[in-house]
Protein backbone atom coordinates (compact mmCIF):
# COMPACT_ATOMS: atom_id res chain seq x y z
CA MET A 1 -18.08 2.65 -2.93
CA LEU A 2 -15.35 4.63 -4.56
CA GLU A 3 -14.28 8.21 -4.69
CA PRO A 4 -13.08 9.34 -8.12
CA GLU A 5 -9.66 8.61 -9.52
CA LYS A 6 -6.76 10.87 -8.67
CA LYS A 7 -4.64 11.27 -11.79
CA GLU A 8 -1.56 12.83 -10.27
CA MET A 9 1.78 11.08 -10.61
CA ARG A 10 4.10 10.88 -7.62
CA ARG A 11 7.83 10.55 -8.11
CA PRO A 12 10.05 10.18 -5.05
CA THR A 13 13.61 11.25 -5.65
CA SER A 14 15.31 7.96 -4.89
CA PRO A 15 14.61 4.29 -4.33
CA SER A 16 14.93 4.84 -0.60
CA SER A 17 12.02 7.28 -0.59
CA LYS A 18 9.57 5.11 1.25
CA ALA A 19 6.08 6.12 2.24
CA PRO A 20 5.64 6.21 6.00
CA PRO A 21 3.82 3.25 7.53
CA ALA A 22 0.18 3.19 6.48
CA SER A 23 -2.39 3.32 9.22
CA ALA A 24 -6.03 2.43 8.92
CA THR A 25 -8.65 3.95 11.14
CA PRO A 26 -12.30 2.91 11.06
CA SER A 27 -14.79 5.68 10.47
CA ARG A 28 -18.49 6.02 9.96
CA SER A 29 -18.01 6.36 6.22
CA GLY A 30 -15.41 3.67 5.67
CA VAL A 31 -11.67 3.12 5.97
CA ALA A 32 -9.40 6.15 6.26
CA TRP A 33 -5.79 5.40 5.41
CA ALA A 34 -2.90 7.81 5.97
CA ASP A 35 0.15 7.40 3.75
CA GLY A 36 2.84 9.54 2.18
CA SER A 37 0.35 11.34 -0.08
CA GLY A 38 -2.05 12.26 2.71
CA THR A 39 -5.27 10.63 3.79
CA TRP A 40 -7.73 8.97 1.48
CA ARG A 41 -11.02 7.33 2.36
CA TYR A 42 -12.61 4.22 0.94
CA ILE A 43 -16.38 4.09 1.42
CA PRO A 44 -17.77 0.55 1.20
CA SER A 45 -20.55 0.12 -1.33
CA ARG A 46 -24.17 -0.73 -0.68
CA CYS A 47 -24.58 -2.10 -4.21
CA PRO A 48 -24.39 -5.93 -4.38
CA ALA A 49 -22.47 -5.88 -7.68
CA MET A 50 -19.87 -3.49 -6.30
CA GLN A 51 -19.68 -5.37 -3.00
CA ALA A 52 -18.75 -8.50 -4.98
CA VAL A 53 -15.91 -6.57 -6.66
CA GLU A 54 -14.66 -5.29 -3.30
CA GLN A 55 -14.73 -8.76 -1.77
CA ARG A 56 -12.82 -10.20 -4.73
CA ALA A 57 -10.23 -7.44 -4.42
CA ILE A 58 -9.72 -8.14 -0.73
CA ARG A 59 -9.44 -11.89 -1.35
CA VAL A 60 -6.68 -11.45 -3.92
CA ALA A 61 -4.87 -8.69 -2.00
CA PRO A 62 -2.54 -10.98 0.06
CA SER A 63 -1.04 -12.52 -3.10
CA THR A 64 1.67 -11.04 -5.31
CA GLU A 65 -0.19 -11.58 -8.59
CA SER A 66 -1.01 -8.77 -10.99
CA VAL A 67 -4.53 -7.36 -11.01
CA LEU A 68 -6.29 -5.63 -13.92
CA VAL A 69 -9.00 -3.12 -12.98
CA LEU A 70 -11.48 -2.26 -15.74
CA GLY A 71 -14.18 0.37 -15.76
CA GLU A 72 -15.39 3.61 -17.26
CA THR A 73 -13.60 6.86 -16.58
CA GLY A 74 -14.38 8.35 -13.19
CA VAL A 75 -15.51 5.19 -11.38
CA GLY A 76 -12.58 5.20 -8.95
CA LYS A 77 -10.27 2.50 -10.24
CA ASP A 78 -7.30 3.95 -8.37
CA LEU A 79 -9.09 3.68 -5.04
CA LEU A 80 -9.75 0.00 -5.67
CA ALA A 81 -6.01 -0.36 -6.35
CA ARG A 82 -5.30 1.36 -3.03
CA LEU A 83 -7.75 -0.96 -1.30
CA ILE A 84 -5.82 -3.96 -2.66
CA HIS A 85 -2.53 -2.44 -1.47
CA HIS A 86 -3.95 -1.66 1.97
CA HIS A 87 -5.15 -5.24 2.50
CA SER A 88 -1.85 -6.73 1.33
CA PRO A 89 1.34 -7.51 3.29
CA ARG A 90 2.88 -4.59 1.34
CA ARG A 91 0.69 -1.97 3.02
CA GLU A 92 3.63 -0.31 4.79
CA GLN A 93 5.66 -0.06 1.58
CA PRO A 94 5.23 2.51 -1.23
CA PHE A 95 2.12 2.81 -3.35
CA ILE A 96 3.19 4.49 -6.61
CA HIS A 97 0.62 5.83 -9.08
CA LEU A 98 1.82 6.33 -12.66
CA ASN A 99 -0.46 7.62 -15.43
CA CYS A 100 0.81 5.94 -18.60
CA ALA A 101 -1.15 8.28 -20.89
CA SER A 102 0.50 11.46 -19.65
CA LEU A 103 3.99 10.84 -21.04
CA SER A 104 5.60 10.33 -24.43
CA GLU A 105 7.05 6.91 -25.24
CA SER A 106 10.64 7.85 -24.39
CA LEU A 107 9.72 9.61 -21.15
CA LEU A 108 7.43 6.76 -20.13
CA GLU A 109 10.25 4.24 -20.66
CA SER A 110 12.57 6.29 -18.46
CA GLU A 111 9.84 6.80 -15.87
CA LEU A 112 9.11 3.08 -15.65
CA PHE A 113 12.61 1.64 -15.77
CA GLY A 114 14.94 4.52 -14.95
CA HIS A 115 17.97 5.67 -16.93
CA MET A 116 21.74 5.87 -16.70
CA LYS A 117 23.67 9.12 -16.78
CA GLY A 118 24.43 10.09 -20.37
CA SER A 119 22.01 7.58 -21.88
CA TYR A 120 20.31 10.38 -23.83
CA THR A 121 20.47 14.14 -24.19
CA GLY A 122 19.54 15.72 -20.90
CA ALA A 123 20.22 12.62 -18.80
CA ASP A 124 22.59 14.44 -16.44
CA GLU A 125 22.34 11.88 -13.66
CA THR A 126 21.39 8.27 -13.09
CA ARG A 127 17.79 8.04 -11.94
CA PRO A 128 15.74 5.09 -10.74
CA GLY A 129 12.43 4.24 -12.38
CA GLN A 130 9.12 3.65 -10.71
CA PHE A 131 9.71 -0.10 -10.58
CA GLU A 132 12.71 0.54 -8.34
CA ILE A 133 11.00 3.24 -6.31
CA ALA A 134 8.01 0.95 -5.66
CA SER A 135 10.25 -1.94 -4.58
CA GLY A 136 8.50 -3.99 -1.91
CA GLY A 137 5.23 -2.19 -2.56
CA THR A 138 2.63 -1.69 -5.28
CA LEU A 139 2.97 0.01 -8.67
CA PHE A 140 -0.36 1.21 -10.04
CA LEU A 141 -0.18 1.61 -13.83
CA ASP A 142 -3.15 3.74 -14.78
CA GLU A 143 -4.28 3.96 -18.42
CA ILE A 144 -2.35 0.80 -19.26
CA GLY A 145 -4.05 0.61 -22.66
CA GLU A 146 -2.09 3.68 -23.80
CA ILE A 147 1.35 2.04 -23.52
CA PRO A 148 3.08 1.83 -26.95
CA ALA A 149 3.75 -1.61 -28.44
CA ARG A 150 7.51 -1.56 -27.83
CA LEU A 151 7.06 -0.81 -24.14
CA GLN A 152 4.34 -3.45 -23.88
CA ALA A 153 6.94 -6.07 -24.81
CA LYS A 154 9.41 -4.68 -22.29
CA LEU A 155 6.78 -4.55 -19.55
CA LEU A 156 5.80 -8.16 -20.25
CA HIS A 157 9.43 -9.20 -19.83
CA VAL A 158 9.66 -7.38 -16.49
CA LEU A 159 6.48 -9.00 -15.19
CA GLN A 160 7.75 -12.44 -16.16
CA GLU A 161 11.39 -12.14 -15.12
CA ARG A 162 11.10 -9.64 -12.26
CA LYS A 163 14.14 -7.85 -13.62
CA ILE A 164 14.56 -4.47 -15.29
CA TYR A 165 17.22 -2.75 -17.34
CA ARG A 166 17.54 1.00 -16.96
CA VAL A 167 17.65 2.97 -20.21
CA GLY A 168 21.29 2.87 -21.26
CA GLY A 169 22.12 0.24 -18.65
CA ARG A 170 23.51 -3.26 -19.16
CA GLN A 171 23.11 -4.78 -15.73
CA PRO A 172 19.75 -6.31 -14.77
CA LEU A 173 18.20 -5.14 -11.52
CA GLY A 174 15.85 -7.40 -9.60
CA VAL A 175 12.54 -5.86 -8.54
CA ASP A 176 9.91 -7.01 -6.07
CA VAL A 177 6.79 -5.10 -7.07
CA ARG A 178 3.10 -5.94 -7.15
CA VAL A 179 1.54 -4.46 -10.30
CA VAL A 180 -2.05 -3.29 -10.45
CA ALA A 181 -3.09 -1.92 -13.85
CA ALA A 182 -6.24 -0.09 -14.91
CA THR A 183 -7.90 1.14 -18.07
CA ASN A 184 -11.22 2.38 -19.37
CA ARG A 185 -10.46 0.98 -22.81
CA ASP A 186 -11.85 -2.23 -24.31
CA LEU A 187 -8.63 -4.24 -24.31
CA VAL A 188 -10.31 -7.18 -26.04
CA GLN A 189 -11.10 -4.91 -28.99
CA ASP A 190 -7.56 -3.50 -28.84
CA ILE A 191 -6.17 -7.04 -29.06
CA ARG A 192 -8.28 -7.67 -32.17
CA SER A 193 -7.05 -4.43 -33.74
CA GLY A 194 -3.44 -5.31 -32.90
CA SER A 195 -2.80 -2.33 -30.62
CA PHE A 196 -2.47 -4.36 -27.41
CA ARG A 197 -0.55 -7.58 -26.80
CA ARG A 198 -2.65 -10.59 -25.89
CA ASP A 199 0.11 -12.14 -23.76
CA LEU A 200 0.43 -8.92 -21.76
CA TYR A 201 -3.34 -8.87 -21.28
CA TYR A 202 -3.24 -12.36 -19.80
CA ARG A 203 -0.21 -11.54 -17.64
CA LEU A 204 -1.77 -8.38 -16.23
CA GLY A 205 -5.20 -9.91 -15.79
CA VAL A 206 -4.35 -12.85 -13.54
CA VAL A 207 -7.31 -11.42 -11.65
CA THR A 208 -9.64 -8.95 -13.39
CA LEU A 209 -11.96 -6.59 -11.53
CA GLN A 210 -14.76 -4.86 -13.44
CA VAL A 211 -15.96 -1.74 -11.63
CA PRO A 212 -19.63 -1.01 -12.42
CA PRO A 213 -20.55 2.54 -13.48
CA LEU A 214 -22.41 4.85 -11.11
CA ARG A 215 -25.68 4.50 -13.06
CA GLN A 216 -25.67 0.83 -12.00
CA ARG A 217 -24.89 1.74 -8.39
CA LEU A 218 -27.61 4.23 -7.52
CA ALA A 219 -27.76 2.75 -4.02
CA ASP A 220 -24.38 4.44 -3.49
CA LEU A 221 -25.26 7.80 -4.97
CA GLU A 222 -26.80 9.42 -1.89
CA GLU A 223 -23.96 8.48 0.45
CA LEU A 224 -21.36 9.65 -2.05
CA ALA A 225 -23.19 12.93 -2.60
CA LEU A 226 -23.41 13.52 1.17
CA HIS A 227 -19.72 12.70 1.53
CA PHE A 228 -18.72 15.25 -1.13
CA LEU A 229 -21.19 17.76 0.27
CA GLN A 230 -19.64 17.59 3.73
CA GLN A 231 -16.09 17.52 2.35
CA TYR A 232 -16.38 20.62 0.15
CA SER A 233 -18.68 22.64 2.39
CA ALA A 234 -15.97 22.31 5.07
CA LEU A 235 -13.13 22.96 2.62
CA TYR A 236 -14.71 26.15 1.25
CA ASN A 237 -16.14 27.24 4.61
CA ARG A 238 -19.77 26.89 3.50
CA GLN A 239 -21.22 24.85 6.34
CA ASP A 240 -24.61 26.33 5.51
CA LEU A 241 -24.60 24.12 2.40
CA ALA A 242 -23.64 20.89 4.19
CA VAL A 243 -27.25 19.71 4.22
CA PRO A 244 -28.77 18.88 0.82
CA ALA A 245 -31.60 21.06 -0.41
CA PRO A 246 -35.05 19.44 -0.71
CA GLY A 247 -35.34 17.45 -3.90
CA LEU A 248 -31.63 17.43 -4.69
CA MET A 249 -31.18 13.69 -4.21
CA ASP A 250 -34.23 12.94 -6.34
CA ARG A 251 -32.75 15.20 -9.02
CA LEU A 252 -29.38 13.45 -8.89
CA ARG A 253 -30.98 10.02 -9.27
CA THR A 254 -32.54 11.02 -12.60
CA LEU A 255 -29.19 11.74 -14.30
CA PRO A 256 -27.25 9.09 -16.26
CA TRP A 257 -23.80 10.16 -14.93
CA PRO A 258 -21.58 9.33 -17.93
CA GLY A 259 -18.64 10.77 -15.96
CA ASN A 260 -19.51 8.57 -12.97
CA VAL A 261 -18.28 9.45 -9.48
CA ARG A 262 -15.89 12.12 -10.74
CA GLU A 263 -18.79 13.89 -12.43
CA LEU A 264 -20.86 13.68 -9.25
CA GLU A 265 -18.00 15.14 -7.22
CA ASN A 266 -17.57 18.03 -9.65
CA GLN A 267 -21.29 18.76 -9.66
CA ILE A 268 -21.36 18.96 -5.86
CA LYS A 269 -18.18 21.04 -5.82
CA ARG A 270 -19.71 23.46 -8.33
CA ILE A 271 -22.80 23.88 -6.18
CA ILE A 272 -20.69 24.70 -3.13
CA LEU A 273 -18.45 27.12 -5.03
CA LEU A 274 -21.41 29.00 -6.54
CA GLY A 275 -22.96 29.34 -3.13
CA GLY A 276 -26.34 27.70 -3.43
CA TRP A 277 -28.64 25.21 -5.01
CA ASP A 278 -30.83 27.63 -6.99
CA GLU A 279 -27.90 29.39 -8.64
CA ASP A 280 -26.55 26.12 -9.97
CA SER A 281 -29.70 24.14 -10.72
CA SER A 282 -29.32 24.68 -14.46
CA GLU A 283 -25.82 23.20 -14.31
CA LEU A 284 -26.99 19.83 -13.00
CA LEU A 285 -27.25 18.47 -16.50
CA SER A 286 -25.36 15.62 -18.07
CA ASP A 287 -24.30 15.58 -21.72
CA GLU A 288 -27.17 13.22 -22.50
CA GLU A 289 -29.72 15.53 -20.93
CA GLU A 290 -28.27 18.47 -22.83
CA GLU A 291 -28.74 16.51 -26.04
CA ARG A 292 -32.37 15.83 -25.14
CA ASN A 293 -33.01 19.48 -24.35
CA ALA A 294 -31.29 20.51 -27.57
CA SER A 295 -33.94 18.69 -29.57
CA GLU A 296 -36.87 20.44 -27.87
CA PRO A 297 -39.22 22.29 -30.25
CA GLY A 298 -38.97 26.02 -30.61
CA SER A 299 -35.42 26.46 -31.87
CA PRO A 300 -35.06 24.62 -35.19
CA ASP A 301 -32.10 26.65 -36.44
CA THR A 302 -29.73 26.20 -33.51
CA GLY A 303 -31.04 23.06 -31.83
CA ILE A 304 -30.75 24.84 -28.45
CA ALA A 305 -33.73 24.94 -26.11
CA PRO A 306 -35.18 28.51 -25.96
CA SER A 307 -35.14 28.55 -22.14
CA ARG A 308 -31.34 28.67 -22.01
CA SER A 309 -29.18 31.78 -21.59
CA LEU A 310 -27.02 32.89 -24.50
CA ARG A 311 -23.86 31.95 -22.61
CA GLU A 312 -25.12 28.47 -21.80
CA ALA A 313 -26.39 27.94 -25.35
CA ALA A 314 -22.94 28.82 -26.70
CA ARG A 315 -21.26 26.44 -24.26
CA ILE A 316 -23.51 23.55 -25.26
CA ALA A 317 -23.08 24.26 -28.99
CA VAL A 318 -19.27 24.34 -28.67
CA LYS A 319 -19.19 21.08 -26.70
CA ARG A 320 -21.48 19.34 -29.18
CA ALA A 321 -19.42 20.50 -32.19
CA GLU A 322 -16.12 19.57 -30.55
CA LYS A 323 -17.38 16.14 -29.56
CA ARG A 324 -18.65 15.48 -33.09
CA LEU A 325 -15.38 16.55 -34.75
CA ILE A 326 -13.28 14.42 -32.39
CA LEU A 327 -15.47 11.38 -32.94
CA GLU A 328 -15.33 11.85 -36.73
CA ALA A 329 -11.51 12.09 -36.65
CA LEU A 330 -11.22 8.98 -34.48
CA THR A 331 -13.58 7.02 -36.71
CA ARG A 332 -11.73 8.15 -39.84
CA THR A 333 -8.38 7.01 -38.39
CA ALA A 334 -9.75 3.73 -36.98
CA TRP A 335 -9.13 5.13 -33.48
CA ASN A 336 -5.49 5.89 -34.10
CA ARG A 337 -5.33 8.66 -31.51
CA LYS A 338 -1.95 10.04 -32.56
CA GLN A 339 -3.08 10.41 -36.19
CA ALA A 340 -6.40 11.92 -35.05
CA ALA A 341 -4.50 14.46 -32.92
CA ARG A 342 -2.42 15.44 -35.94
CA ASP A 343 -5.54 15.79 -38.11
CA LEU A 344 -7.23 17.95 -35.47
CA LYS A 345 -4.03 19.97 -34.91
CA VAL A 346 -4.05 19.40 -31.14
CA SER A 347 -1.56 17.72 -28.85
CA TYR A 348 -1.88 14.00 -28.21
CA ARG A 349 -2.33 14.67 -24.50
CA SER A 350 -5.13 17.19 -25.15
CA LEU A 351 -6.93 14.67 -27.34
CA LEU A 352 -6.70 11.98 -24.66
CA TYR A 353 -8.19 14.42 -22.15
CA LYS A 354 -11.06 15.24 -24.49
CA ILE A 355 -11.77 11.55 -25.17
CA LYS A 356 -12.08 11.00 -21.42
CA ASP A 357 -14.08 14.18 -20.87
CA TYR A 358 -16.64 13.20 -23.51
CA THR A 359 -16.46 9.47 -22.57
CA LEU A 360 -15.86 8.52 -26.20
CA ARG A 361 -15.16 4.91 -27.10
CA PRO A 362 -15.10 2.84 -30.31
CA ALA A 363 -18.37 1.49 -31.64
CA PRO A 364 -19.04 -2.00 -30.25
CA SER A 365 -17.97 -4.92 -32.41
CA ARG A 366 -20.53 -7.24 -33.90
CA GLU A 367 -18.40 -10.15 -32.77
CA GLU A 368 -18.76 -11.81 -29.45
CA SER A 369 -17.00 -10.10 -26.53
CA ARG A 370 -14.81 -13.12 -25.79
CA LEU A 371 -11.27 -13.24 -27.06
CA PRO A 372 -10.73 -15.07 -30.34
CA SER A 373 -9.13 -18.47 -29.99
């Protein structure tokens, strides 16, 4: 069972910045592992489908081959990557998490491969890239589907040759890094559209792990909810809320959870912050449930259920309009996110955040899901 993804990027200052030795301690709720970023906890799943994914991850962990982790946003792909690292011989070496969607093409190239002093304006010193910093350990490339085509070719070369060239550098540098990549995108569809290289897909996906969404893992929901409840009631000094209110778990099981474990965590956090179950009961609504309530009779002009407050009705209306406009722009540009961002007059990064927040994805193809021959 997975906690939600942590999207932060860690950048040690030099290749010698090693994480301290990892240590695993058994606990009632799973494996707690202390490393340079603090302590994280992996909670084993009770769902047979997720258990099969975990077992496959542990089996492949001792190798050096690349692993591709697929799954919807919020399912906890980064924790599965950490589980692989922890069960590998590299567990005492760095685990570096890089979000490929958070940087422009030029910055991402420098972040991955490093740069030489004077290689571009502002390059005042030679800096190592994440491949060098993660040497001997694991490099987790999150949002791999967002890497531009030119960098895809360069990344493929690094994976094949195990050598990098810093930006502005002429000497190859050998690297010993295990790459785990993750995405919530349909890479098969991206290959068909020409936005992702097929050879890179095969090279990254020597082993592919498909993380099931929370709605298919309801056996895990109660334990996860209790875990977050205890975590945030302690963090915000609300031990009186550490025990779930009657009917809460039944309520949680009825929701579709499009945001998966991250959405569940945020819902529990919101309850703790607002100080009680009753105050926040109206907030325990997913986007899908809001859409159902919006179509209730009694409010034909606005499409908002009459039982809602004015503030909540405005919030729902804004979200619905924003989601519709973003989806229309993406459809009009054939899911060219940079062009859609320009059309909507927002930053590329803001658009990527909104796509994740609303769990938008291209319409499914009529073709078979397998790759074309």
